[in-house]
Amino acid sequence: PSPQRVELEANLESAGIVVLSDIHYPGWKLTIDGQPAPIYKVNRVMRGAAVPDGVHRLVYSYEPRSFQVGGTITVAGLAAAAAFAVYCGLCRAPLLSRSLPGL
């Protein structure tokens, strides 16, 4: 179990709404039997899914856009820092060879 993922199996005799009794919040994604599905706000604050009759697997996963943007910025920052470190190392190498006689 994870706070970023909720997995349910629903067995409905007729089509209906499956209500998850926690807060409807942006960033959640839903798949029903592996297919993307919309999440509905139910009872003003809860999450719901329209599900056809039969047995179905519902998977809610928390994937906010801010995590993706933050990850991209972090990777770009690390790449820039590495490039700067390499550049500084290359610029410093000729200075070291001039300052040390016999090298």
PDB file of N, CA and C in Angstrom:
ATOM      1  N   PRO A   1       0.831  -1.210   0.000  1.00  0.00           N
ATOM      2  CA  PRO A   1       0.000   0.000   0.000  1.00  0.00           C
ATOM      3  C   PRO A   1       0.866   1.262   0.000  1.00  0.00           C
ATOM      4  N   SER A   2       0.369   2.263  -0.683  1.00  0.00           N
ATOM      5  CA  SER A   2       1.095   3.523  -0.802  1.00  0.00           C
ATOM      6  C   SER A   2       0.097   4.676  -0.752  1.00  0.00           C
ATOM      7  N   PRO A   3       0.487   5.796  -0.149  1.00  0.00           N
ATOM      8  CA  PRO A   3      -0.424   6.943  -0.147  1.00  0.00           C
ATOM      9  C   PRO A   3      -0.638   7.544  -1.536  1.00  0.00           C
ATOM     10  N   GLN A   4       0.225   7.196  -2.502  1.00  0.00           N
ATOM     11  CA  GLN A   4       0.102   7.720  -3.860  1.00  0.00           C
ATOM     12  C   GLN A   4      -0.636   6.765  -4.791  1.00  0.00           C
ATOM     13  N   ARG A   5      -1.157   5.668  -4.266  1.00  0.00           N
ATOM     14  CA  ARG A   5      -1.812   4.681  -5.132  1.00  0.00           C
ATOM     15  C   ARG A   5      -2.908   3.957  -4.353  1.00  0.00           C
ATOM     16  N   VAL A   6      -4.067   3.844  -4.993  1.00  0.00           N
ATOM     17  CA  VAL A   6      -5.196   3.111  -4.416  1.00  0.00           C
ATOM     18  C   VAL A   6      -5.690   2.132  -5.471  1.00  0.00           C
ATOM     19  N   GLU A   7      -5.784   0.854  -5.112  1.00  0.00           N
ATOM     20  CA  GLU A   7      -6.257  -0.163  -6.042  1.00  0.00           C
ATOM     21  C   GLU A   7      -7.526  -0.799  -5.471  1.00  0.00           C
ATOM     22  N   LEU A   8      -8.550  -0.896  -6.313  1.00  0.00           N
ATOM     23  CA  LEU A   8      -9.834  -1.464  -5.905  1.00  0.00           C
ATOM     24  C   LEU A   8     -10.303  -2.482  -6.928  1.00  0.00           C
ATOM     25  N   GLU A   9     -11.059  -3.452  -6.454  1.00  0.00           N
ATOM     26  CA  GLU A   9     -11.777  -4.330  -7.363  1.00  0.00           C
ATOM     27  C   GLU A   9     -13.251  -4.128  -7.071  1.00  0.00           C
ATOM     28  N   ALA A  10     -14.006  -3.793  -8.103  1.00  0.00           N
ATOM     29  CA  ALA A  10     -15.439  -3.535  -7.946  1.00  0.00           C
ATOM     30  C   ALA A  10     -16.223  -4.566  -8.743  1.00  0.00           C
ATOM     31  N   ASN A  11     -17.255  -5.117  -8.124  1.00  0.00           N
ATOM     32  CA  ASN A  11     -18.137  -6.072  -8.784  1.00  0.00           C
ATOM     33  C   ASN A  11     -19.545  -5.488  -8.729  1.00  0.00           C
ATOM     34  N   LEU A  12     -20.005  -4.941  -9.854  1.00  0.00           N
ATOM     35  CA  LEU A  12     -21.304  -4.275  -9.900  1.00  0.00           C
ATOM     36  C   LEU A  12     -22.300  -5.111 -10.704  1.00  0.00           C
ATOM     37  N   GLU A  13     -23.499  -5.240 -10.152  1.00  0.00           N
ATOM     38  CA  GLU A  13     -24.561  -5.949 -10.884  1.00  0.00           C
ATOM     39  C   GLU A  13     -25.117  -5.099 -12.010  1.00  0.00           C
ATOM     40  N   SER A  14     -25.042  -3.771 -11.851  1.00  0.00           N
ATOM     41  CA  SER A  14     -25.437  -2.847 -12.913  1.00  0.00           C
ATOM     42  C   SER A  14     -24.486  -1.654 -12.865  1.00  0.00           C
ATOM     43  N   ALA A  15     -24.429  -0.915 -13.955  1.00  0.00           N
ATOM     44  CA  ALA A  15     -23.531   0.238 -14.014  1.00  0.00           C
ATOM     45  C   ALA A  15     -23.837   1.205 -12.882  1.00  0.00           C
ATOM     46  N   GLY A  16     -22.798   1.850 -12.359  1.00  0.00           N
ATOM     47  CA  GLY A  16     -22.994   2.781 -11.258  1.00  0.00           C
ATOM     48  C   GLY A  16     -21.752   3.607 -10.985  1.00  0.00           C
ATOM     49  N   ILE A  17     -21.785   4.309  -9.874  1.00  0.00           N
ATOM     50  CA  ILE A  17     -20.672   5.154  -9.444  1.00  0.00           C
ATOM     51  C   ILE A  17     -20.011   4.480  -8.244  1.00  0.00           C
ATOM     52  N   VAL A  18     -18.707   4.270  -8.345  1.00  0.00           N
ATOM     53  CA  VAL A  18     -17.935   3.755  -7.213  1.00  0.00           C
ATOM     54  C   VAL A  18     -17.320   4.967  -6.534  1.00  0.00           C
ATOM     55  N   VAL A  19     -17.640   5.152  -5.253  1.00  0.00           N
ATOM     56  CA  VAL A  19     -17.190   6.327  -4.505  1.00  0.00           C
ATOM     57  C   VAL A  19     -16.044   5.938  -3.577  1.00  0.00           C
ATOM     58  N   LEU A  20     -14.964   6.685  -3.672  1.00  0.00           N
ATOM     59  CA  LEU A  20     -13.826   6.520  -2.776  1.00  0.00           C
ATOM     60  C   LEU A  20     -13.950   7.619  -1.730  1.00  0.00           C
ATOM     61  N   SER A  21     -14.065   7.240  -0.484  1.00  0.00           N
ATOM     62  CA  SER A  21     -14.400   8.231   0.544  1.00  0.00           C
ATOM     63  C   SER A  21     -13.173   8.976   1.072  1.00  0.00           C
ATOM     64  N   ASP A  22     -12.427   9.535   0.170  1.00  0.00           N
ATOM     65  CA  ASP A  22     -11.399  10.486   0.566  1.00  0.00           C
ATOM     66  C   ASP A  22     -11.526  11.734  -0.303  1.00  0.00           C
ATOM     67  N   ILE A  23     -10.704  12.720  -0.048  1.00  0.00           N
ATOM     68  CA  ILE A  23     -10.870  14.040  -0.652  1.00  0.00           C
ATOM     69  C   ILE A  23     -10.523  14.035  -2.150  1.00  0.00           C
ATOM     70  N   HIS A  24     -11.414  14.652  -2.932  1.00  0.00           N
ATOM     71  CA  HIS A  24     -11.144  14.884  -4.357  1.00  0.00           C
ATOM     72  C   HIS A  24     -10.097  15.987  -4.426  1.00  0.00           C
ATOM     73  N   TYR A  25      -8.963  15.688  -5.063  1.00  0.00           N
ATOM     74  CA  TYR A  25      -7.857  16.640  -5.103  1.00  0.00           C
ATOM     75  C   TYR A  25      -7.182  16.549  -6.464  1.00  0.00           C
ATOM     76  N   PRO A  26      -6.759  17.672  -7.043  1.00  0.00           N
ATOM     77  CA  PRO A  26      -6.097  17.636  -8.353  1.00  0.00           C
ATOM     78  C   PRO A  26      -4.825  16.790  -8.312  1.00  0.00           C
ATOM     79  N   GLY A  27      -4.521  16.171  -9.428  1.00  0.00           N
ATOM     80  CA  GLY A  27      -3.300  15.388  -9.535  1.00  0.00           C
ATOM     81  C   GLY A  27      -3.536  13.880  -9.535  1.00  0.00           C
ATOM     82  N   TRP A  28      -4.759  13.467  -9.179  1.00  0.00           N
ATOM     83  CA  TRP A  28      -5.078  12.039  -9.197  1.00  0.00           C
ATOM     84  C   TRP A  28      -5.465  11.613 -10.602  1.00  0.00           C
ATOM     85  N   LYS A  29      -5.024  10.436 -10.992  1.00  0.00           N
ATOM     86  CA  LYS A  29      -5.389   9.833 -12.276  1.00  0.00           C
ATOM     87  C   LYS A  29      -6.072   8.499 -11.975  1.00  0.00           C
ATOM     88  N   LEU A  30      -6.948   8.080 -12.885  1.00  0.00           N
ATOM     89  CA  LEU A  30      -7.698   6.838 -12.693  1.00  0.00           C
ATOM     90  C   LEU A  30      -7.620   5.977 -13.941  1.00  0.00           C
ATOM     91  N   THR A  31      -7.414   4.695 -13.730  1.00  0.00           N
ATOM     92  CA  THR A  31      -7.584   3.738 -14.813  1.00  0.00           C
ATOM     93  C   THR A  31      -8.586   2.683 -14.353  1.00  0.00           C
ATOM     94  N   ILE A  32      -9.427   2.266 -15.285  1.00  0.00           N
ATOM     95  CA  ILE A  32     -10.360   1.172 -15.041  1.00  0.00           C
ATOM     96  C   ILE A  32      -9.983   0.077 -16.028  1.00  0.00           C
ATOM     97  N   ASP A  33      -9.579  -1.048 -15.497  1.00  0.00           N
ATOM     98  CA  ASP A  33      -9.101  -2.169 -16.310  1.00  0.00           C
ATOM     99  C   ASP A  33      -7.976  -1.723 -17.254  1.00  0.00           C
ATOM    100  N   GLY A  34      -7.105  -0.855 -16.769  1.00  0.00           N
ATOM    101  CA  GLY A  34      -5.953  -0.399 -17.544  1.00  0.00           C
ATOM    102  C   GLY A  34      -6.220   0.744 -18.505  1.00  0.00           C
ATOM    103  N   GLN A  35      -7.464   1.199 -18.607  1.00  0.00           N
ATOM    104  CA  GLN A  35      -7.822   2.294 -19.519  1.00  0.00           C
ATOM    105  C   GLN A  35      -8.052   3.581 -18.727  1.00  0.00           C
ATOM    106  N   PRO A  36      -7.506   4.719 -19.179  1.00  0.00           N
ATOM    107  CA  PRO A  36      -7.739   5.987 -18.476  1.00  0.00           C
ATOM    108  C   PRO A  36      -9.239   6.290 -18.373  1.00  0.00           C
ATOM    109  N   ALA A  37      -9.625   6.831 -17.232  1.00  0.00           N
ATOM    110  CA  ALA A  37     -11.038   7.157 -16.998  1.00  0.00           C
ATOM    111  C   ALA A  37     -11.123   8.459 -16.207  1.00  0.00           C
ATOM    112  N   PRO A  38     -12.218   9.191 -16.378  1.00  0.00           N
ATOM    113  CA  PRO A  38     -12.375  10.448 -15.636  1.00  0.00           C
ATOM    114  C   PRO A  38     -12.714  10.194 -14.163  1.00  0.00           C
ATOM    115  N   ILE A  39     -12.305  11.135 -13.322  1.00  0.00           N
ATOM    116  CA  ILE A  39     -12.649  11.109 -11.904  1.00  0.00           C
ATOM    117  C   ILE A  39     -13.703  12.188 -11.688  1.00  0.00           C
ATOM    118  N   TYR A  40     -14.779  11.821 -11.008  1.00  0.00           N
ATOM    119  CA  TYR A  40     -15.867  12.764 -10.742  1.00  0.00           C
ATOM    120  C   TYR A  40     -15.859  13.183  -9.285  1.00  0.00           C
ATOM    121  N   LYS A  41     -16.194  14.451  -9.060  1.00  0.00           N
ATOM    122  CA  LYS A  41     -16.358  14.924  -7.690  1.00  0.00           C
ATOM    123  C   LYS A  41     -17.737  14.473  -7.223  1.00  0.00           C
ATOM    124  N   VAL A  42     -17.776  13.726  -6.121  1.00  0.00           N
ATOM    125  CA  VAL A  42     -19.017  13.157  -5.602  1.00  0.00           C
ATOM    126  C   VAL A  42     -19.248  13.693  -4.188  1.00  0.00           C
ATOM    127  N   ASN A  43     -20.496  14.017  -3.875  1.00  0.00           N
ATOM    128  CA  ASN A  43     -20.844  14.543  -2.544  1.00  0.00           C
ATOM    129  C   ASN A  43     -20.006  15.760  -2.165  1.00  0.00           C
ATOM    130  N   ARG A  44     -19.668  16.550  -3.150  1.00  0.00           N
ATOM    131  CA  ARG A  44     -18.913  17.799  -3.026  1.00  0.00           C
ATOM    132  C   ARG A  44     -17.432  17.642  -2.708  1.00  0.00           C
ATOM    133  N   VAL A  45     -16.994  16.536  -2.123  1.00  0.00           N
ATOM    134  CA  VAL A  45     -15.599  16.447  -1.697  1.00  0.00           C
ATOM    135  C   VAL A  45     -14.920  15.107  -2.002  1.00  0.00           C
ATOM    136  N   MET A  46     -15.661  14.094  -2.398  1.00  0.00           N
ATOM    137  CA  MET A  46     -15.079  12.761  -2.578  1.00  0.00           C
ATOM    138  C   MET A  46     -14.812  12.457  -4.051  1.00  0.00           C
ATOM    139  N   ARG A  47     -14.054  11.385  -4.286  1.00  0.00           N
ATOM    140  CA  ARG A  47     -13.751  10.946  -5.653  1.00  0.00           C
ATOM    141  C   ARG A  47     -14.692   9.826  -6.056  1.00  0.00           C
ATOM    142  N   GLY A  48     -15.129   9.873  -7.311  1.00  0.00           N
ATOM    143  CA  GLY A  48     -16.001   8.823  -7.819  1.00  0.00           C
ATOM    144  C   GLY A  48     -15.632   8.438  -9.238  1.00  0.00           C
ATOM    145  N   ALA A  49     -16.034   7.214  -9.605  1.00  0.00           N
ATOM    146  CA  ALA A  49     -15.769   6.714 -10.945  1.00  0.00           C
ATOM    147  C   ALA A  49     -17.022   6.054 -11.491  1.00  0.00           C
ATOM    148  N   ALA A  50     -17.359   6.361 -12.740  1.00  0.00           N
ATOM    149  CA  ALA A  50     -18.474   5.690 -13.409  1.00  0.00           C
ATOM    150  C   ALA A  50     -17.963   4.343 -13.903  1.00  0.00           C
ATOM    151  N   VAL A  51     -18.594   3.277 -13.430  1.00  0.00           N
ATOM    152  CA  VAL A  51     -18.120   1.929 -13.728  1.00  0.00           C
ATOM    153  C   VAL A  51     -19.263   1.106 -14.322  1.00  0.00           C
ATOM    154  N   PRO A  52     -19.014   0.396 -15.419  1.00  0.00           N
ATOM    155  CA  PRO A  52     -20.056  -0.465 -15.993  1.00  0.00           C
ATOM    156  C   PRO A  52     -20.259  -1.715 -15.130  1.00  0.00           C
ATOM    157  N   ASP A  53     -21.316  -2.457 -15.436  1.00  0.00           N
ATOM    158  CA  ASP A  53     -21.576  -3.673 -14.659  1.00  0.00           C
ATOM    159  C   ASP A  53     -20.460  -4.695 -14.882  1.00  0.00           C
ATOM    160  N   GLY A  54     -20.312  -5.581 -13.922  1.00  0.00           N
ATOM    161  CA  GLY A  54     -19.278  -6.612 -13.996  1.00  0.00           C
ATOM    162  C   GLY A  54     -18.151  -6.349 -13.016  1.00  0.00           C
ATOM    163  N   VAL A  55     -17.110  -7.156 -13.127  1.00  0.00           N
ATOM    164  CA  VAL A  55     -15.939  -7.041 -12.254  1.00  0.00           C
ATOM    165  C   VAL A  55     -14.897  -6.168 -12.939  1.00  0.00           C
ATOM    166  N   HIS A  56     -14.419  -5.159 -12.225  1.00  0.00           N
ATOM    167  CA  HIS A  56     -13.455  -4.212 -12.789  1.00  0.00           C
ATOM    168  C   HIS A  56     -12.388  -3.861 -11.763  1.00  0.00           C
ATOM    169  N   ARG A  57     -11.211  -3.553 -12.280  1.00  0.00           N
ATOM    170  CA  ARG A  57     -10.088  -3.128 -11.432  1.00  0.00           C
ATOM    171  C   ARG A  57      -9.902  -1.623 -11.617  1.00  0.00           C
ATOM    172  N   LEU A  58      -9.998  -0.893 -10.523  1.00  0.00           N
ATOM    173  CA  LEU A  58      -9.807   0.557 -10.527  1.00  0.00           C
ATOM    174  C   LEU A  58      -8.488   0.869  -9.847  1.00  0.00           C
ATOM    175  N   VAL A  59      -7.676   1.681 -10.500  1.00  0.00           N
ATOM    176  CA  VAL A  59      -6.395   2.087  -9.919  1.00  0.00           C
ATOM    177  C   VAL A  59      -6.317   3.611  -9.952  1.00  0.00           C
ATOM    178  N   TYR A  60      -6.272   4.203  -8.770  1.00  0.00           N
ATOM    179  CA  TYR A  60      -6.052   5.642  -8.629  1.00  0.00           C
ATOM    180  C   TYR A  60      -4.569   5.834  -8.338  1.00  0.00           C
ATOM    181  N   SER A  61      -3.928   6.767  -9.027  1.00  0.00           N
ATOM    182  CA  SER A  61      -2.526   7.072  -8.749  1.00  0.00           C
ATOM    183  C   SER A  61      -2.352   8.588  -8.696  1.00  0.00           C
ATOM    184  N   TYR A  62      -1.541   9.018  -7.739  1.00  0.00           N
ATOM    185  CA  TYR A  62      -1.305  10.446  -7.560  1.00  0.00           C
ATOM    186  C   TYR A  62      -0.102  10.845  -8.382  1.00  0.00           C
ATOM    187  N   GLU A  63      -0.332  11.604  -9.451  1.00  0.00           N
ATOM    188  CA  GLU A  63       0.712  12.027 -10.389  1.00  0.00           C
ATOM    189  C   GLU A  63       0.546  13.513 -10.706  1.00  0.00           C
ATOM    190  N   PRO A  64       0.765  14.378  -9.709  1.00  0.00           N
ATOM    191  CA  PRO A  64       0.558  15.807  -9.979  1.00  0.00           C
ATOM    192  C   PRO A  64       1.587  16.360 -10.949  1.00  0.00           C
ATOM    193  N   ARG A  65       1.162  17.302 -11.733  1.00  0.00           N
ATOM    194  CA  ARG A  65       2.046  17.948 -12.723  1.00  0.00           C
ATOM    195  C   ARG A  65       3.244  18.599 -12.036  1.00  0.00           C
ATOM    196  N   SER A  66       3.060  19.090 -10.823  1.00  0.00           N
ATOM    197  CA  SER A  66       4.160  19.755 -10.114  1.00  0.00           C
ATOM    198  C   SER A  66       5.327  18.795  -9.875  1.00  0.00           C
ATOM    199  N   PHE A  67       5.069  17.492  -9.671  1.00  0.00           N
ATOM    200  CA  PHE A  67       6.149  16.518  -9.501  1.00  0.00           C
ATOM    201  C   PHE A  67       6.947  16.390 -10.792  1.00  0.00           C
ATOM    202  N   GLN A  68       6.252  16.363 -11.924  1.00  0.00           N
ATOM    203  CA  GLN A  68       6.930  16.243 -13.218  1.00  0.00           C
ATOM    204  C   GLN A  68       7.774  17.480 -13.492  1.00  0.00           C
ATOM    205  N   VAL A  69       7.224  18.658 -13.239  1.00  0.00           N
ATOM    206  CA  VAL A  69       7.953  19.909 -13.468  1.00  0.00           C
ATOM    207  C   VAL A  69       9.161  19.980 -12.540  1.00  0.00           C
ATOM    208  N   GLY A  70       8.969  19.645 -11.272  1.00  0.00           N
ATOM    209  CA  GLY A  70      10.070  19.655 -10.306  1.00  0.00           C
ATOM    210  C   GLY A  70      11.178  18.698 -10.688  1.00  0.00           C
ATOM    211  N   GLY A  71      10.814  17.507 -11.154  1.00  0.00           N
ATOM    212  CA  GLY A  71      11.811  16.532 -11.594  1.00  0.00           C
ATOM    213  C   GLY A  71      12.612  17.021 -12.784  1.00  0.00           C
ATOM    214  N   THR A  72      11.929  17.647 -13.731  1.00  0.00           N
ATOM    215  CA  THR A  72      12.606  18.181 -14.911  1.00  0.00           C
ATOM    216  C   THR A  72      13.581  19.292 -14.527  1.00  0.00           C
ATOM    217  N   ILE A  73      13.160  20.177 -13.649  1.00  0.00           N
ATOM    218  CA  ILE A  73      14.027  21.274 -13.202  1.00  0.00           C
ATOM    219  C   ILE A  73      15.233  20.722 -12.451  1.00  0.00           C
ATOM    220  N   THR A  74      15.016  19.711 -11.618  1.00  0.00           N
ATOM    221  CA  THR A  74      16.113  19.109 -10.865  1.00  0.00           C
ATOM    222  C   THR A  74      17.147  18.482 -11.799  1.00  0.00           C
ATOM    223  N   VAL A  75      16.692  17.704 -12.769  1.00  0.00           N
ATOM    224  CA  VAL A  75      17.611  17.067 -13.717  1.00  0.00           C
ATOM    225  C   VAL A  75      18.371  18.125 -14.516  1.00  0.00           C
ATOM    226  N   ALA A  76      17.684  19.177 -14.967  1.00  0.00           N
ATOM    227  CA  ALA A  76      18.350  20.239 -15.720  1.00  0.00           C
ATOM    228  C   ALA A  76      19.392  20.950 -14.851  1.00  0.00           C
ATOM    229  N   GLY A  77      19.068  21.184 -13.591  1.00  0.00           N
ATOM    230  CA  GLY A  77      20.021  21.829 -12.679  1.00  0.00           C
ATOM    231  C   GLY A  77      21.254  20.976 -12.430  1.00  0.00           C
ATOM    232  N   LEU A  78      21.040  19.663 -12.242  1.00  0.00           N
ATOM    233  CA  LEU A  78      22.179  18.763 -12.032  1.00  0.00           C
ATOM    234  C   LEU A  78      23.060  18.692 -13.281  1.00  0.00           C
ATOM    235  N   ALA A  79      22.437  18.665 -14.457  1.00  0.00           N
ATOM    236  CA  ALA A  79      23.210  18.633 -15.713  1.00  0.00           C
ATOM    237  C   ALA A  79      24.020  19.921 -15.866  1.00  0.00           C
ATOM    238  N   ALA A  80      23.425  21.064 -15.547  1.00  0.00           N
ATOM    239  CA  ALA A  80      24.137  22.341 -15.652  1.00  0.00           C
ATOM    240  C   ALA A  80      25.291  22.392 -14.654  1.00  0.00           C
ATOM    241  N   ALA A  81      25.084  21.888 -13.444  1.00  0.00           N
ATOM    242  CA  ALA A  81      26.155  21.879 -12.440  1.00  0.00           C
ATOM    243  C   ALA A  81      27.298  20.966 -12.877  1.00  0.00           C
ATOM    244  N   ALA A  82      26.975  19.807 -13.443  1.00  0.00           N
ATOM    245  CA  ALA A  82      28.009  18.888 -13.922  1.00  0.00           C
ATOM    246  C   ALA A  82      28.792  19.512 -15.075  1.00  0.00           C
ATOM    247  N   ALA A  83      28.080  20.144 -16.008  1.00  0.00           N
ATOM    248  CA  ALA A  83      28.751  20.793 -17.146  1.00  0.00           C
ATOM    249  C   ALA A  83      29.664  21.910 -16.658  1.00  0.00           C
ATOM    250  N   PHE A  84      29.222  22.669 -15.674  1.00  0.00           N
ATOM    251  CA  PHE A  84      30.033  23.757 -15.122  1.00  0.00           C
ATOM    252  C   PHE A  84      31.275  23.196 -14.431  1.00  0.00           C
ATOM    253  N   ALA A  85      31.109  22.087 -13.706  1.00  0.00           N
ATOM    254  CA  ALA A  85      32.250  21.472 -13.019  1.00  0.00           C
ATOM    255  C   ALA A  85      33.283  20.976 -14.035  1.00  0.00           C
ATOM    256  N   VAL A  86      32.824  20.358 -15.113  1.00  0.00           N
ATOM    257  CA  VAL A  86      33.736  19.889 -16.159  1.00  0.00           C
ATOM    258  C   VAL A  86      34.437  21.082 -16.809  1.00  0.00           C
ATOM    259  N   TYR A  87      33.685  22.126 -17.111  1.00  0.00           N
ATOM    260  CA  TYR A  87      34.264  23.331 -17.726  1.00  0.00           C
ATOM    261  C   TYR A  87      35.341  23.933 -16.817  1.00  0.00           C
ATOM    262  N   CYS A  88      35.032  24.053 -15.536  1.00  0.00           N
ATOM    263  CA  CYS A  88      36.010  24.623 -14.597  1.00  0.00           C
ATOM    264  C   CYS A  88      37.244  23.739 -14.494  1.00  0.00           C
ATOM    265  N   GLY A  89      37.051  22.425 -14.536  1.00  0.00           N
ATOM    266  CA  GLY A  89      38.186  21.500 -14.491  1.00  0.00           C
ATOM    267  C   GLY A  89      39.060  21.631 -15.720  1.00  0.00           C
ATOM    268  N   LEU A  90      38.451  21.806 -16.898  1.00  0.00           N
ATOM    269  CA  LEU A  90      39.217  21.954 -18.133  1.00  0.00           C
ATOM    270  C   LEU A  90      39.953  23.285 -18.173  1.00  0.00           C
ATOM    271  N   CYS A  91      39.340  24.332 -17.654  1.00  0.00           N
ATOM    272  CA  CYS A  91      39.981  25.651 -17.642  1.00  0.00           C
ATOM    273  C   CYS A  91      41.140  25.693 -16.654  1.00  0.00           C
ATOM    274  N   ARG A  92      41.032  24.935 -15.587  1.00  0.00           N
ATOM    275  CA  ARG A  92      42.046  24.961 -14.538  1.00  0.00           C
ATOM    276  C   ARG A  92      43.253  24.107 -14.909  1.00  0.00           C
ATOM    277  N   ALA A  93      43.075  23.079 -15.717  1.00  0.00           N
ATOM    278  CA  ALA A  93      44.165  22.171 -16.072  1.00  0.00           C
ATOM    279  C   ALA A  93      45.357  22.904 -16.706  1.00  0.00           C
ATOM    280  N   PRO A  94      45.159  23.814 -17.679  1.00  0.00           N
ATOM    281  CA  PRO A  94      46.320  24.532 -18.242  1.00  0.00           C
ATOM    282  C   PRO A  94      47.022  25.409 -17.209  1.00  0.00           C
ATOM    283  N   LEU A  95      46.289  25.968 -16.278  1.00  0.00           N
ATOM    284  CA  LEU A  95      46.900  26.796 -15.234  1.00  0.00           C
ATOM    285  C   LEU A  95      47.795  25.960 -14.342  1.00  0.00           C
ATOM    286  N   LEU A  96      47.393  24.758 -14.016  1.00  0.00           N
ATOM    287  CA  LEU A  96      48.196  23.891 -13.165  1.00  0.00           C
ATOM    288  C   LEU A  96      49.478  23.492 -13.874  1.00  0.00           C
ATOM    289  N   SER A  97      49.433  23.193 -15.160  1.00  0.00           N
ATOM    290  CA  SER A  97      50.631  22.760 -15.875  1.00  0.00           C
ATOM    291  C   SER A  97      51.622  23.914 -16.011  1.00  0.00           C
ATOM    292  N   ARG A  98      51.158  25.150 -16.079  1.00  0.00           N
ATOM    293  CA  ARG A  98      52.053  26.297 -16.154  1.00  0.00           C
ATOM    294  C   ARG A  98      52.682  26.606 -14.792  1.00  0.00           C
ATOM    295  N   SER A  99      51.935  26.373 -13.713  1.00  0.00           N
ATOM    296  CA  SER A  99      52.423  26.750 -12.395  1.00  0.00           C
ATOM    297  C   SER A  99      53.380  25.714 -11.810  1.00  0.00           C
ATOM    298  N   LEU A 100      53.368  24.493 -12.323  1.00  0.00           N
ATOM    299  CA  LEU A 100      54.251  23.459 -11.806  1.00  0.00           C
ATOM    300  C   LEU A 100      55.369  23.193 -12.811  1.00  0.00           C
ATOM    301  N   PRO A 101      56.582  23.585 -12.483  1.00  0.00           N
ATOM    302  CA  PRO A 101      57.684  23.373 -13.430  1.00  0.00           C
ATOM    303  C   PRO A 101      57.943  21.890 -13.649  1.00  0.00           C
ATOM    304  N   GLY A 102      58.302  21.549 -14.847  1.00  0.00           N
ATOM    305  CA  GLY A 102      58.631  20.177 -15.198  1.00  0.00           C
ATOM    306  C   GLY A 102      57.424  19.354 -15.618  1.00  0.00           C
ATOM    307  N   LEU A 103      56.221  19.918 -15.648  1.00  0.00           N
ATOM    308  CA  LEU A 103      55.048  19.173 -16.067  1.00  0.00           C
ATOM    309  C   LEU A 103      54.623  19.547 -17.456  1.00  0.00           C
TER     310      LEU A 103
END
